[in-house]
Amino acid sequence: MRRLPTLALATMLAMGTSPAFAYKIFVSNEKGNDITVLDSENFEVVDTFDVGQRPRGIAVSPDGESLYVCTSDDDIIKEFSTDTYEFIRTLPSGPDPELLVVAPNGDRLYAANEDDNLVTVIDLETGGRLAEIPVGVEPEGMGISPDGQMIVNTSETTNMAHFIDRDSQQIVANVLVDSRPRFAQYKKDGTEVWVSAEIGGTVSVINAETKEIKQKITFEIPGIRSEAIQPVGVRITQDDSKAYVALGPANRVAVIDANTYEVLDYLLVGQRVWQLAFSPDGEYLFTTNGISNDISIVDVSEDEVIKSVQVGQQPWGVAVTPE
């Protein structure tokens, strides 16, 4: 991997120019009210910019040009340039947006509004609100099928995964999962949805066609109390062979065989690991660690933590631009 010399990087930043990294890593700092930017060459912090009150869920547009940030205490979503970090516009949401997902073709954004039990649908061409869809109590997790036709929201208090049809904007199925579901992730082939349950301590694997739970994955770490094992973020590799689950205050990421559902390993990362994102080529996994104020970088081929990097205060979400 080519390394940009430190002096050259410092010179470019001083001149106000942006180095042409293969991709960038964006981390939302919930307490710091800002975004940390890391490069893809040395995995070092290259910039920090303010975004608003309590940034949590973040996502990058499919074309890599825009960063969308849920500023939860401002009750809005903000859009920024991934190149210059300049503010572009405000997008409407209900109170306390927490997580969001962008349609694969980039035309819509779906946001979970925790305080009013709604999923907001936003037209990204016009910036207007298309619909508000009633869901369960305390909606949080947002997932979307690879073809963009099915959206999944998880409601923390109702303990359900709600399947929402893109065209009708109606719930077509409700699946009861374990306590406090936090995240929903489709396999790339569209056959399964994995839903984490923070308090239940499980991941439910749901058949995407029948909407039935086909497997529940549990976790057991020697020396760690079961109540400290709290599944949150979930990511599945591009070839659908492995899944990674952030286990919160257990300070571990579980590595799972995505075909047999066997837990293969537990990777020790920072404190209170929360959300996850892959590099565009799938070689690295980035984890946000909210108490140790850092991110961990995992070599996916070796399932080994290779580096930790200090970021802002209480890192929450992580998103990566395409190459």
C-alpha atoms as a PDB file:
ATOM      1  CA  MET A   1       0.000   0.000   0.000  1.00  0.00           C
ATOM      2  CA  ARG A   2       1.411   3.398  -0.956  1.00  0.00           C
ATOM      3  CA  ARG A   3       2.088   5.692   2.013  1.00  0.00           C
ATOM      4  CA  LEU A   4       1.785   9.460   1.736  1.00  0.00           C
ATOM      5  CA  PRO A   5       4.810  11.062   3.447  1.00  0.00           C
ATOM      6  CA  THR A   6       3.881  12.911   6.618  1.00  0.00           C
ATOM      7  CA  LEU A   7       5.526  16.142   5.435  1.00  0.00           C
ATOM      8  CA  ALA A   8       3.635  16.036   2.139  1.00  0.00           C
ATOM      9  CA  LEU A   9       0.367  15.443   3.956  1.00  0.00           C
ATOM     10  CA  ALA A  10       1.002  18.333   6.350  1.00  0.00           C
ATOM     11  CA  THR A  11       1.849  20.640   3.437  1.00  0.00           C
ATOM     12  CA  MET A  12      -1.330  19.756   1.549  1.00  0.00           C
ATOM     13  CA  LEU A  13      -3.483  20.325   4.611  1.00  0.00           C
ATOM     14  CA  ALA A  14      -1.790  23.658   5.327  1.00  0.00           C
ATOM     15  CA  MET A  15      -2.520  24.756   1.751  1.00  0.00           C
ATOM     16  CA  GLY A  16      -6.180  23.863   2.197  1.00  0.00           C
ATOM     17  CA  THR A  17      -6.089  21.094  -0.395  1.00  0.00           C
ATOM     18  CA  SER A  18      -7.449  17.607   0.089  1.00  0.00           C
ATOM     19  CA  PRO A  19      -5.078  14.688  -0.618  1.00  0.00           C
ATOM     20  CA  ALA A  20      -6.443  12.120  -3.082  1.00  0.00           C
ATOM     21  CA  PHE A  21      -6.828   9.133  -0.771  1.00  0.00           C
ATOM     22  CA  ALA A  22      -8.339   5.970  -2.216  1.00  0.00           C
ATOM     23  CA  TYR A  23     -11.171   6.343   0.281  1.00  0.00           C
ATOM     24  CA  LYS A  24     -11.996   8.149   3.504  1.00  0.00           C
ATOM     25  CA  ILE A  25     -13.343   6.932   6.833  1.00  0.00           C
ATOM     26  CA  PHE A  26     -15.837   9.150   8.672  1.00  0.00           C
ATOM     27  CA  VAL A  27     -16.582   8.693  12.391  1.00  0.00           C
ATOM     28  CA  SER A  28     -19.418  10.475  14.208  1.00  0.00           C
ATOM     29  CA  ASN A  29     -18.513  11.544  17.741  1.00  0.00           C
ATOM     30  CA  GLU A  30     -21.707  11.604  19.788  1.00  0.00           C
ATOM     31  CA  LYS A  31     -20.423  13.753  22.640  1.00  0.00           C
ATOM     32  CA  GLY A  32     -17.898  15.777  20.646  1.00  0.00           C
ATOM     33  CA  ASN A  33     -20.571  17.007  18.181  1.00  0.00           C
ATOM     34  CA  ASP A  34     -18.169  16.516  15.308  1.00  0.00           C
ATOM     35  CA  ILE A  35     -16.911  14.136  12.634  1.00  0.00           C
ATOM     36  CA  THR A  36     -13.401  12.693  12.528  1.00  0.00           C
ATOM     37  CA  VAL A  37     -11.941  11.954   9.088  1.00  0.00           C
ATOM     38  CA  LEU A  38      -9.271   9.284   8.609  1.00  0.00           C
ATOM     39  CA  ASP A  39      -7.237   8.478   5.513  1.00  0.00           C
ATOM     40  CA  SER A  40      -6.975   5.100   3.818  1.00  0.00           C
ATOM     41  CA  GLU A  41      -3.196   5.207   3.501  1.00  0.00           C
ATOM     42  CA  ASN A  42      -1.978   5.176   7.091  1.00  0.00           C
ATOM     43  CA  PHE A  43      -5.359   5.096   8.864  1.00  0.00           C
ATOM     44  CA  GLU A  44      -4.556   8.382  10.561  1.00  0.00           C
ATOM     45  CA  VAL A  45      -6.751  11.356  11.442  1.00  0.00           C
ATOM     46  CA  VAL A  46      -6.562  14.001   8.718  1.00  0.00           C
ATOM     47  CA  ASP A  47      -9.399  16.326   9.742  1.00  0.00           C
ATOM     48  CA  THR A  48     -12.234  17.030  12.166  1.00  0.00           C
ATOM     49  CA  PHE A  49     -15.279  19.184  11.485  1.00  0.00           C
ATOM     50  CA  ASP A  50     -18.304  20.260  13.509  1.00  0.00           C
ATOM     51  CA  VAL A  51     -21.726  19.001  12.452  1.00  0.00           C
ATOM     52  CA  GLY A  52     -24.296  19.712  15.166  1.00  0.00           C
ATOM     53  CA  GLN A  53     -25.714  18.297  18.354  1.00  0.00           C
ATOM     54  CA  ARG A  54     -25.189  14.599  19.130  1.00  0.00           C
ATOM     55  CA  PRO A  55     -24.276  13.065  15.765  1.00  0.00           C
ATOM     56  CA  ARG A  56     -24.975   9.352  15.651  1.00  0.00           C
ATOM     57  CA  GLY A  57     -26.063   7.500  12.505  1.00  0.00           C
ATOM     58  CA  ILE A  58     -24.069   8.393   9.384  1.00  0.00           C
ATOM     59  CA  ALA A  59     -24.015   7.144   5.788  1.00  0.00           C
ATOM     60  CA  VAL A  60     -22.257   7.963   2.529  1.00  0.00           C
ATOM     61  CA  SER A  61     -24.137   8.320  -0.760  1.00  0.00           C
ATOM     62  CA  PRO A  62     -23.516   5.545  -3.329  1.00  0.00           C
ATOM     63  CA  ASP A  63     -21.580   7.978  -5.543  1.00  0.00           C
ATOM     64  CA  GLY A  64     -19.338   8.856  -2.584  1.00  0.00           C
ATOM     65  CA  GLU A  65     -19.982  12.597  -2.813  1.00  0.00           C
ATOM     66  CA  SER A  66     -22.245  13.192   0.202  1.00  0.00           C
ATOM     67  CA  LEU A  67     -22.131  12.347   3.890  1.00  0.00           C
ATOM     68  CA  TYR A  68     -25.467  12.190   5.717  1.00  0.00           C
ATOM     69  CA  VAL A  69     -25.429  12.733   9.491  1.00  0.00           C
ATOM     70  CA  CYS A  70     -28.221  12.258  12.034  1.00  0.00           C
ATOM     71  CA  THR A  71     -27.774  15.194  14.412  1.00  0.00           C
ATOM     72  CA  SER A  72     -30.103  13.703  16.958  1.00  0.00           C
ATOM     73  CA  ASP A  73     -30.480  16.606  19.384  1.00  0.00           C
ATOM     74  CA  ASP A  74     -31.047  19.054  16.503  1.00  0.00           C
ATOM     75  CA  ASP A  75     -33.873  16.795  15.202  1.00  0.00           C
ATOM     76  CA  ILE A  76     -32.563  16.977  11.640  1.00  0.00           C
ATOM     77  CA  ILE A  77     -30.296  15.217   9.174  1.00  0.00           C
ATOM     78  CA  LYS A  78     -27.436  17.204   7.656  1.00  0.00           C
ATOM     79  CA  GLU A  79     -25.679  16.628   4.353  1.00  0.00           C
ATOM     80  CA  PHE A  80     -21.974  17.443   3.884  1.00  0.00           C
ATOM     81  CA  SER A  81     -19.478  17.172   1.045  1.00  0.00           C
ATOM     82  CA  THR A  82     -17.132  14.232   1.528  1.00  0.00           C
ATOM     83  CA  ASP A  83     -14.465  16.190  -0.354  1.00  0.00           C
ATOM     84  CA  THR A  84     -14.496  19.621   1.275  1.00  0.00           C
ATOM     85  CA  TYR A  85     -16.621  18.793   4.395  1.00  0.00           C
ATOM     86  CA  GLU A  86     -18.765  21.828   3.606  1.00  0.00           C
ATOM     87  CA  PHE A  87     -22.379  21.812   4.738  1.00  0.00           C
ATOM     88  CA  ILE A  88     -24.741  21.272   1.783  1.00  0.00           C
ATOM     89  CA  ARG A  89     -28.295  21.213   3.133  1.00  0.00           C
ATOM     90  CA  THR A  90     -30.654  20.148   5.884  1.00  0.00           C
ATOM     91  CA  LEU A  91     -32.933  17.169   5.327  1.00  0.00           C
ATOM     92  CA  PRO A  92     -36.220  16.767   7.223  1.00  0.00           C
ATOM     93  CA  SER A  93     -36.676  14.123   9.883  1.00  0.00           C
ATOM     94  CA  GLY A  94     -38.792  13.608  12.923  1.00  0.00           C
ATOM     95  CA  PRO A  95     -37.510  14.087  16.483  1.00  0.00           C
ATOM     96  CA  ASP A  96     -34.266  12.381  17.471  1.00  0.00           C
ATOM     97  CA  PRO A  97     -33.123  10.654  14.257  1.00  0.00           C
ATOM     98  CA  GLU A  98     -30.793   7.846  15.263  1.00  0.00           C
ATOM     99  CA  LEU A  99     -29.916   5.586  12.331  1.00  0.00           C
ATOM    100  CA  LEU A 100     -30.385   5.985   8.593  1.00  0.00           C
ATOM    101  CA  VAL A 101     -29.879   4.035   5.412  1.00  0.00           C
ATOM    102  CA  VAL A 102     -29.567   5.194   1.802  1.00  0.00           C
ATOM    103  CA  ALA A 103     -31.173   3.319  -1.091  1.00  0.00           C
ATOM    104  CA  PRO A 104     -28.636   1.477  -3.288  1.00  0.00           C
ATOM    105  CA  ASN A 105     -29.465   3.730  -6.253  1.00  0.00           C
ATOM    106  CA  GLY A 106     -29.127   6.851  -4.113  1.00  0.00           C
ATOM    107  CA  ASP A 107     -32.640   8.203  -4.658  1.00  0.00           C
ATOM    108  CA  ARG A 108     -34.018   7.883  -1.129  1.00  0.00           C
ATOM    109  CA  LEU A 109     -32.942   8.046   2.490  1.00  0.00           C
ATOM    110  CA  TYR A 110     -34.747   6.262   5.324  1.00  0.00           C
ATOM    111  CA  ALA A 111     -34.341   7.454   8.918  1.00  0.00           C
ATOM    112  CA  ALA A 112     -35.525   6.038  12.239  1.00  0.00           C
ATOM    113  CA  ASN A 113     -36.968   8.743  14.493  1.00  0.00           C
ATOM    114  CA  GLU A 114     -36.717   7.389  17.999  1.00  0.00           C
ATOM    115  CA  ASP A 115     -38.999   9.843  19.781  1.00  0.00           C
ATOM    116  CA  ASP A 116     -42.092   9.753  17.534  1.00  0.00           C
ATOM    117  CA  ASN A 117     -42.174   6.078  16.439  1.00  0.00           C
ATOM    118  CA  LEU A 118     -41.833   6.883  12.749  1.00  0.00           C
ATOM    119  CA  VAL A 119     -39.601   6.040   9.818  1.00  0.00           C
ATOM    120  CA  THR A 120     -39.114   9.117   7.635  1.00  0.00           C
ATOM    121  CA  VAL A 121     -38.671   8.645   3.880  1.00  0.00           C
ATOM    122  CA  ILE A 122     -36.711  11.459   2.176  1.00  0.00           C
ATOM    123  CA  ASP A 123     -36.393  12.139  -1.564  1.00  0.00           C
ATOM    124  CA  LEU A 124     -32.693  12.919  -2.044  1.00  0.00           C
ATOM    125  CA  GLU A 125     -33.230  14.667  -5.375  1.00  0.00           C
ATOM    126  CA  THR A 126     -35.615  17.267  -3.983  1.00  0.00           C
ATOM    127  CA  GLY A 127     -34.619  17.061  -0.326  1.00  0.00           C
ATOM    128  CA  GLY A 128     -38.268  16.748   0.629  1.00  0.00           C
ATOM    129  CA  ARG A 129     -40.113  14.348   2.900  1.00  0.00           C
ATOM    130  CA  LEU A 130     -41.989  11.649   0.954  1.00  0.00           C
ATOM    131  CA  ALA A 131     -43.650   9.830   3.824  1.00  0.00           C
ATOM    132  CA  GLU A 132     -43.710   9.130   7.539  1.00  0.00           C
ATOM    133  CA  ILE A 133     -44.366   5.471   8.310  1.00  0.00           C
ATOM    134  CA  PRO A 134     -45.635   4.507  11.786  1.00  0.00           C
ATOM    135  CA  VAL A 135     -43.617   1.658  13.322  1.00  0.00           C
ATOM    136  CA  GLY A 136     -43.063   0.296  16.826  1.00  0.00           C
ATOM    137  CA  VAL A 137     -41.916   2.109  19.946  1.00  0.00           C
ATOM    138  CA  GLU A 138     -38.385   3.580  19.883  1.00  0.00           C
ATOM    139  CA  PRO A 139     -37.366   2.760  16.310  1.00  0.00           C
ATOM    140  CA  GLU A 140     -33.618   2.558  15.824  1.00  0.00           C
ATOM    141  CA  GLY A 141     -32.105   0.129  13.340  1.00  0.00           C
ATOM    142  CA  MET A 142     -32.455   0.626   9.586  1.00  0.00           C
ATOM    143  CA  GLY A 143     -31.613  -1.935   6.916  1.00  0.00           C
ATOM    144  CA  ILE A 144     -32.363  -2.197   3.205  1.00  0.00           C
ATOM    145  CA  SER A 145     -32.401  -5.078   0.733  1.00  0.00           C
ATOM    146  CA  PRO A 146     -29.748  -5.149  -2.013  1.00  0.00           C
ATOM    147  CA  ASP A 147     -32.391  -4.287  -4.634  1.00  0.00           C
ATOM    148  CA  GLY A 148     -33.801  -1.461  -2.501  1.00  0.00           C
ATOM    149  CA  GLN A 149     -37.328  -2.882  -2.503  1.00  0.00           C
ATOM    150  CA  MET A 150     -37.576  -3.803   1.193  1.00  0.00           C
ATOM    151  CA  ILE A 151     -36.659  -1.635   4.169  1.00  0.00           C
ATOM    152  CA  VAL A 152     -36.278  -3.044   7.684  1.00  0.00           C
ATOM    153  CA  ASN A 153     -36.709  -1.012  10.853  1.00  0.00           C
ATOM    154  CA  THR A 154     -36.126  -2.340  14.362  1.00  0.00           C
ATOM    155  CA  SER A 155     -38.089  -0.968  17.317  1.00  0.00           C
ATOM    156  CA  GLU A 156     -36.280  -1.207  20.639  1.00  0.00           C
ATOM    157  CA  THR A 157     -39.288  -1.325  22.962  1.00  0.00           C
ATOM    158  CA  THR A 158     -41.707  -3.270  20.731  1.00  0.00           C
ATOM    159  CA  ASN A 159     -38.901  -5.795  20.078  1.00  0.00           C
ATOM    160  CA  MET A 160     -39.798  -6.184  16.418  1.00  0.00           C
ATOM    161  CA  ALA A 161     -38.262  -6.018  12.972  1.00  0.00           C
ATOM    162  CA  HIS A 162     -40.705  -4.203  10.685  1.00  0.00           C
ATOM    163  CA  PHE A 163     -40.494  -4.997   6.964  1.00  0.00           C
ATOM    164  CA  ILE A 164     -41.570  -2.029   4.830  1.00  0.00           C
ATOM    165  CA  ASP A 165     -42.331  -2.211   1.093  1.00  0.00           C
ATOM    166  CA  ARG A 166     -40.591   0.541  -0.877  1.00  0.00           C
ATOM    167  CA  ASP A 167     -43.432   1.211  -3.317  1.00  0.00           C
ATOM    168  CA  SER A 168     -46.468   1.065  -1.039  1.00  0.00           C
ATOM    169  CA  GLN A 169     -44.552   2.496   1.954  1.00  0.00           C
ATOM    170  CA  GLN A 170     -46.507   0.076   4.134  1.00  0.00           C
ATOM    171  CA  ILE A 171     -45.400  -2.518   6.668  1.00  0.00           C
ATOM    172  CA  VAL A 172     -45.816  -5.971   5.118  1.00  0.00           C
ATOM    173  CA  ALA A 173     -44.530  -8.045   8.057  1.00  0.00           C
ATOM    174  CA  ASN A 174     -43.615  -7.716  11.733  1.00  0.00           C
ATOM    175  CA  VAL A 175     -41.133 -10.195  13.196  1.00  0.00           C
ATOM    176  CA  LEU A 176     -40.788 -10.524  16.961  1.00  0.00           C
ATOM    177  CA  VAL A 177     -37.140 -10.765  18.006  1.00  0.00           C
ATOM    178  CA  ASP A 178     -35.338 -10.603  21.321  1.00  0.00           C
ATOM    179  CA  SER A 179     -35.157  -7.604  23.645  1.00  0.00           C
ATOM    180  CA  ARG A 180     -33.955  -4.218  22.357  1.00  0.00           C
ATOM    181  CA  PRO A 181     -33.135  -4.841  18.684  1.00  0.00           C
ATOM    182  CA  ARG A 182     -30.525  -2.362  17.465  1.00  0.00           C
ATOM    183  CA  PHE A 183     -29.459  -3.154  13.903  1.00  0.00           C
ATOM    184  CA  ALA A 184     -30.635  -4.894  10.719  1.00  0.00           C
ATOM    185  CA  GLN A 185     -28.290  -6.114   7.999  1.00  0.00           C
ATOM    186  CA  TYR A 186     -29.137  -7.967   4.777  1.00  0.00           C
ATOM    187  CA  LYS A 187     -26.868 -10.550   3.232  1.00  0.00           C
ATOM    188  CA  LYS A 188     -25.589  -9.400  -0.141  1.00  0.00           C
ATOM    189  CA  ASP A 189     -27.586 -12.148  -1.905  1.00  0.00           C
ATOM    190  CA  GLY A 190     -30.760 -10.824  -0.265  1.00  0.00           C
ATOM    191  CA  THR A 191     -31.771 -14.134   1.313  1.00  0.00           C
ATOM    192  CA  GLU A 192     -31.371 -13.235   4.997  1.00  0.00           C
ATOM    193  CA  VAL A 193     -31.672 -10.325   7.407  1.00  0.00           C
ATOM    194  CA  TRP A 194     -29.579 -10.372  10.582  1.00  0.00           C
ATOM    195  CA  VAL A 195     -31.076  -8.452  13.522  1.00  0.00           C
ATOM    196  CA  SER A 196     -29.085  -7.824  16.704  1.00  0.00           C
ATOM    197  CA  ALA A 197     -30.773  -7.688  20.123  1.00  0.00           C
ATOM    198  CA  GLU A 198     -28.756  -5.701  22.643  1.00  0.00           C
ATOM    199  CA  ILE A 199     -30.443  -6.816  25.867  1.00  0.00           C
ATOM    200  CA  GLY A 200     -31.521 -10.207  24.536  1.00  0.00           C
ATOM    201  CA  GLY A 201     -27.891 -10.935  23.723  1.00  0.00           C
ATOM    202  CA  THR A 202     -28.681 -12.605  20.403  1.00  0.00           C
ATOM    203  CA  VAL A 203     -28.709 -12.145  16.656  1.00  0.00           C
ATOM    204  CA  SER A 204     -31.837 -13.369  14.869  1.00  0.00           C
ATOM    205  CA  VAL A 205     -31.310 -14.597  11.308  1.00  0.00           C
ATOM    206  CA  ILE A 206     -34.546 -13.984   9.399  1.00  0.00           C
ATOM    207  CA  ASN A 207     -35.503 -15.609   6.102  1.00  0.00           C
ATOM    208  CA  ALA A 208     -36.040 -12.585   3.862  1.00  0.00           C
ATOM    209  CA  GLU A 209     -38.730 -14.295   1.794  1.00  0.00           C
ATOM    210  CA  THR A 210     -40.852 -15.976   4.479  1.00  0.00           C
ATOM    211  CA  LYS A 211     -40.065 -13.407   7.209  1.00  0.00           C
ATOM    212  CA  GLU A 212     -39.496 -16.249   9.667  1.00  0.00           C
ATOM    213  CA  ILE A 213     -36.565 -16.617  12.075  1.00  0.00           C
ATOM    214  CA  LYS A 214     -34.400 -19.489  10.861  1.00  0.00           C
ATOM    215  CA  GLN A 215     -31.604 -19.233  13.436  1.00  0.00           C
ATOM    216  CA  LYS A 216     -30.700 -17.462  16.668  1.00  0.00           C
ATOM    217  CA  ILE A 217     -27.046 -16.875  17.351  1.00  0.00           C
ATOM    218  CA  THR A 218     -25.899 -16.608  20.963  1.00  0.00           C
ATOM    219  CA  PHE A 219     -22.556 -15.575  22.434  1.00  0.00           C
ATOM    220  CA  GLU A 220     -20.444 -16.806  25.320  1.00  0.00           C
ATOM    221  CA  ILE A 221     -17.094 -15.271  26.257  1.00  0.00           C
ATOM    222  CA  PRO A 222     -15.043 -16.797  29.087  1.00  0.00           C
ATOM    223  CA  GLY A 223     -14.652 -14.341  31.940  1.00  0.00           C
ATOM    224  CA  ILE A 224     -17.332 -11.945  30.636  1.00  0.00           C
ATOM    225  CA  ARG A 225     -20.737 -11.694  32.328  1.00  0.00           C
ATOM    226  CA  SER A 226     -23.586 -12.581  29.973  1.00  0.00           C
ATOM    227  CA  GLU A 227     -25.338  -9.253  30.637  1.00  0.00           C
ATOM    228  CA  ALA A 228     -22.242  -7.435  29.327  1.00  0.00           C
ATOM    229  CA  ILE A 229     -22.493  -9.182  25.960  1.00  0.00           C
ATOM    230  CA  GLN A 230     -24.739  -6.766  24.063  1.00  0.00           C
ATOM    231  CA  PRO A 231     -24.931  -7.180  20.263  1.00  0.00           C
ATOM    232  CA  VAL A 232     -25.291  -3.902  18.352  1.00  0.00           C
ATOM    233  CA  GLY A 233     -23.675  -3.304  14.939  1.00  0.00           C
ATOM    234  CA  VAL A 234     -23.661  -6.092  12.332  1.00  0.00           C
ATOM    235  CA  ARG A 235     -21.759  -6.358   9.040  1.00  0.00           C
ATOM    236  CA  ILE A 236     -21.553  -9.245   6.561  1.00  0.00           C
ATOM    237  CA  THR A 237     -18.731  -9.698   4.057  1.00  0.00           C
ATOM    238  CA  GLN A 238     -19.331  -9.116   0.365  1.00  0.00           C
ATOM    239  CA  ASP A 239     -19.187 -12.848  -0.385  1.00  0.00           C
ATOM    240  CA  ASP A 240     -21.608 -13.609   2.489  1.00  0.00           C
ATOM    241  CA  SER A 241     -19.087 -15.973   4.093  1.00  0.00           C
ATOM    242  CA  LYS A 242     -18.509 -14.207   7.413  1.00  0.00           C
ATOM    243  CA  ALA A 243     -20.405 -11.861   9.689  1.00  0.00           C
ATOM    244  CA  TYR A 244     -19.084  -9.506  12.349  1.00  0.00           C
ATOM    245  CA  VAL A 245     -21.112  -8.408  15.375  1.00  0.00           C
ATOM    246  CA  ALA A 246     -20.151  -5.618  17.776  1.00  0.00           C
ATOM    247  CA  LEU A 247     -20.773  -6.762  21.352  1.00  0.00           C
ATOM    248  CA  GLY A 248     -20.913  -3.426  23.180  1.00  0.00           C
ATOM    249  CA  PRO A 249     -19.450  -3.392  26.718  1.00  0.00           C
ATOM    250  CA  ALA A 250     -17.975  -6.871  26.196  1.00  0.00           C
ATOM    251  CA  ASN A 251     -15.329  -4.984  24.157  1.00  0.00           C
ATOM    252  CA  ARG A 252     -15.325  -7.735  21.559  1.00  0.00           C
ATOM    253  CA  VAL A 253     -16.354  -8.234  17.959  1.00  0.00           C
ATOM    254  CA  ALA A 254     -17.723 -11.698  17.226  1.00  0.00           C
ATOM    255  CA  VAL A 255     -16.632 -13.408  14.020  1.00  0.00           C
ATOM    256  CA  ILE A 256     -19.320 -15.736  12.679  1.00  0.00           C
ATOM    257  CA  ASP A 257     -19.470 -18.260   9.851  1.00  0.00           C
ATOM    258  CA  ALA A 258     -22.414 -16.797   7.932  1.00  0.00           C
ATOM    259  CA  ASN A 259     -23.360 -20.188   6.471  1.00  0.00           C
ATOM    260  CA  THR A 260     -23.238 -22.415   9.556  1.00  0.00           C
ATOM    261  CA  TYR A 261     -23.872 -19.581  12.092  1.00  0.00           C
ATOM    262  CA  GLU A 262     -20.997 -20.839  14.241  1.00  0.00           C
ATOM    263  CA  VAL A 263     -19.121 -18.227  16.255  1.00  0.00           C
ATOM    264  CA  LEU A 264     -15.511 -18.579  15.095  1.00  0.00           C
ATOM    265  CA  ASP A 265     -13.730 -16.043  17.266  1.00  0.00           C
ATOM    266  CA  TYR A 266     -13.991 -12.990  19.502  1.00  0.00           C
ATOM    267  CA  LEU A 267     -11.709 -10.073  18.672  1.00  0.00           C
ATOM    268  CA  LEU A 268     -10.671  -7.779  21.516  1.00  0.00           C
ATOM    269  CA  VAL A 269     -11.174  -4.150  20.458  1.00  0.00           C
ATOM    270  CA  GLY A 270     -11.751  -0.874  22.329  1.00  0.00           C
ATOM    271  CA  GLN A 271     -14.258  -0.188  25.093  1.00  0.00           C
ATOM    272  CA  ARG A 272     -17.997  -0.323  24.262  1.00  0.00           C
ATOM    273  CA  VAL A 273     -17.719  -1.274  20.615  1.00  0.00           C
ATOM    274  CA  TRP A 274     -20.811   0.008  18.823  1.00  0.00           C
ATOM    275  CA  GLN A 275     -20.912   0.249  15.029  1.00  0.00           C
ATOM    276  CA  LEU A 276     -18.946  -1.301  12.171  1.00  0.00           C
ATOM    277  CA  ALA A 277     -18.025  -0.603   8.540  1.00  0.00           C
ATOM    278  CA  PHE A 278     -15.912  -2.336   5.902  1.00  0.00           C
ATOM    279  CA  SER A 279     -13.371  -0.725   3.631  1.00  0.00           C
ATOM    280  CA  PRO A 280     -14.590  -0.671  -0.006  1.00  0.00           C
ATOM    281  CA  ASP A 281     -12.411  -3.646  -0.924  1.00  0.00           C
ATOM    282  CA  GLY A 282     -13.520  -5.592   2.149  1.00  0.00           C
ATOM    283  CA  GLU A 283      -9.957  -5.963   3.435  1.00  0.00           C
ATOM    284  CA  TYR A 284     -10.525  -4.038   6.663  1.00  0.00           C
ATOM    285  CA  LEU A 285     -13.268  -3.650   9.249  1.00  0.00           C
ATOM    286  CA  PHE A 286     -13.541  -0.440  11.282  1.00  0.00           C
ATOM    287  CA  THR A 287     -15.149  -0.429  14.738  1.00  0.00           C
ATOM    288  CA  THR A 288     -16.233   2.557  16.844  1.00  0.00           C
ATOM    289  CA  ASN A 289     -15.395   2.238  20.533  1.00  0.00           C
ATOM    290  CA  GLY A 290     -17.450   4.750  22.499  1.00  0.00           C
ATOM    291  CA  ILE A 291     -15.753   4.682  25.897  1.00  0.00           C
ATOM    292  CA  SER A 292     -12.110   4.441  24.850  1.00  0.00           C
ATOM    293  CA  ASN A 293     -12.712   7.177  22.233  1.00  0.00           C
ATOM    294  CA  ASP A 294     -11.008   5.270  19.452  1.00  0.00           C
ATOM    295  CA  ILE A 295     -11.604   3.040  16.464  1.00  0.00           C
ATOM    296  CA  SER A 296     -10.117  -0.403  15.942  1.00  0.00           C
ATOM    297  CA  ILE A 297      -8.986  -1.615  12.529  1.00  0.00           C
ATOM    298  CA  VAL A 298      -9.371  -5.318  11.786  1.00  0.00           C
ATOM    299  CA  ASP A 299      -7.578  -7.222   9.030  1.00  0.00           C
ATOM    300  CA  VAL A 300     -10.500  -9.282   7.697  1.00  0.00           C
ATOM    301  CA  SER A 301      -8.431 -12.022   6.039  1.00  0.00           C
ATOM    302  CA  GLU A 302      -6.564 -12.734   9.281  1.00  0.00           C
ATOM    303  CA  ASP A 303      -9.325 -11.685  11.709  1.00  0.00           C
ATOM    304  CA  GLU A 304      -6.726  -9.711  13.597  1.00  0.00           C
ATOM    305  CA  VAL A 305      -6.856  -6.223  15.117  1.00  0.00           C
ATOM    306  CA  ILE A 306      -3.924  -4.365  13.567  1.00  0.00           C
ATOM    307  CA  LYS A 307      -4.333  -0.827  14.860  1.00  0.00           C
ATOM    308  CA  SER A 308      -6.339   1.501  17.097  1.00  0.00           C
ATOM    309  CA  VAL A 309      -6.700   5.224  16.420  1.00  0.00           C
ATOM    310  CA  GLN A 310      -7.880   7.913  18.820  1.00  0.00           C
ATOM    311  CA  VAL A 311     -10.762   9.969  17.408  1.00  0.00           C
ATOM    312  CA  GLY A 312     -13.293  12.269  19.135  1.00  0.00           C
ATOM    313  CA  GLN A 313     -15.494  12.017  22.201  1.00  0.00           C
ATOM    314  CA  GLN A 314     -17.720   8.942  22.245  1.00  0.00           C
ATOM    315  CA  PRO A 315     -17.428   7.703  18.668  1.00  0.00           C
ATOM    316  CA  TRP A 316     -20.744   6.215  17.573  1.00  0.00           C
ATOM    317  CA  GLY A 317     -21.146   5.685  13.830  1.00  0.00           C
ATOM    318  CA  VAL A 318     -18.714   4.970  11.001  1.00  0.00           C
ATOM    319  CA  ALA A 319     -19.082   5.262   7.219  1.00  0.00           C
ATOM    320  CA  VAL A 320     -16.637   4.844   4.355  1.00  0.00           C
ATOM    321  CA  THR A 321     -16.559   6.368   0.875  1.00  0.00           C
ATOM    322  CA  PRO A 322     -16.311   4.058  -2.143  1.00  0.00           C
ATOM    323  CA  GLU A 323     -12.961   3.841  -3.954  1.00  0.00           C
END
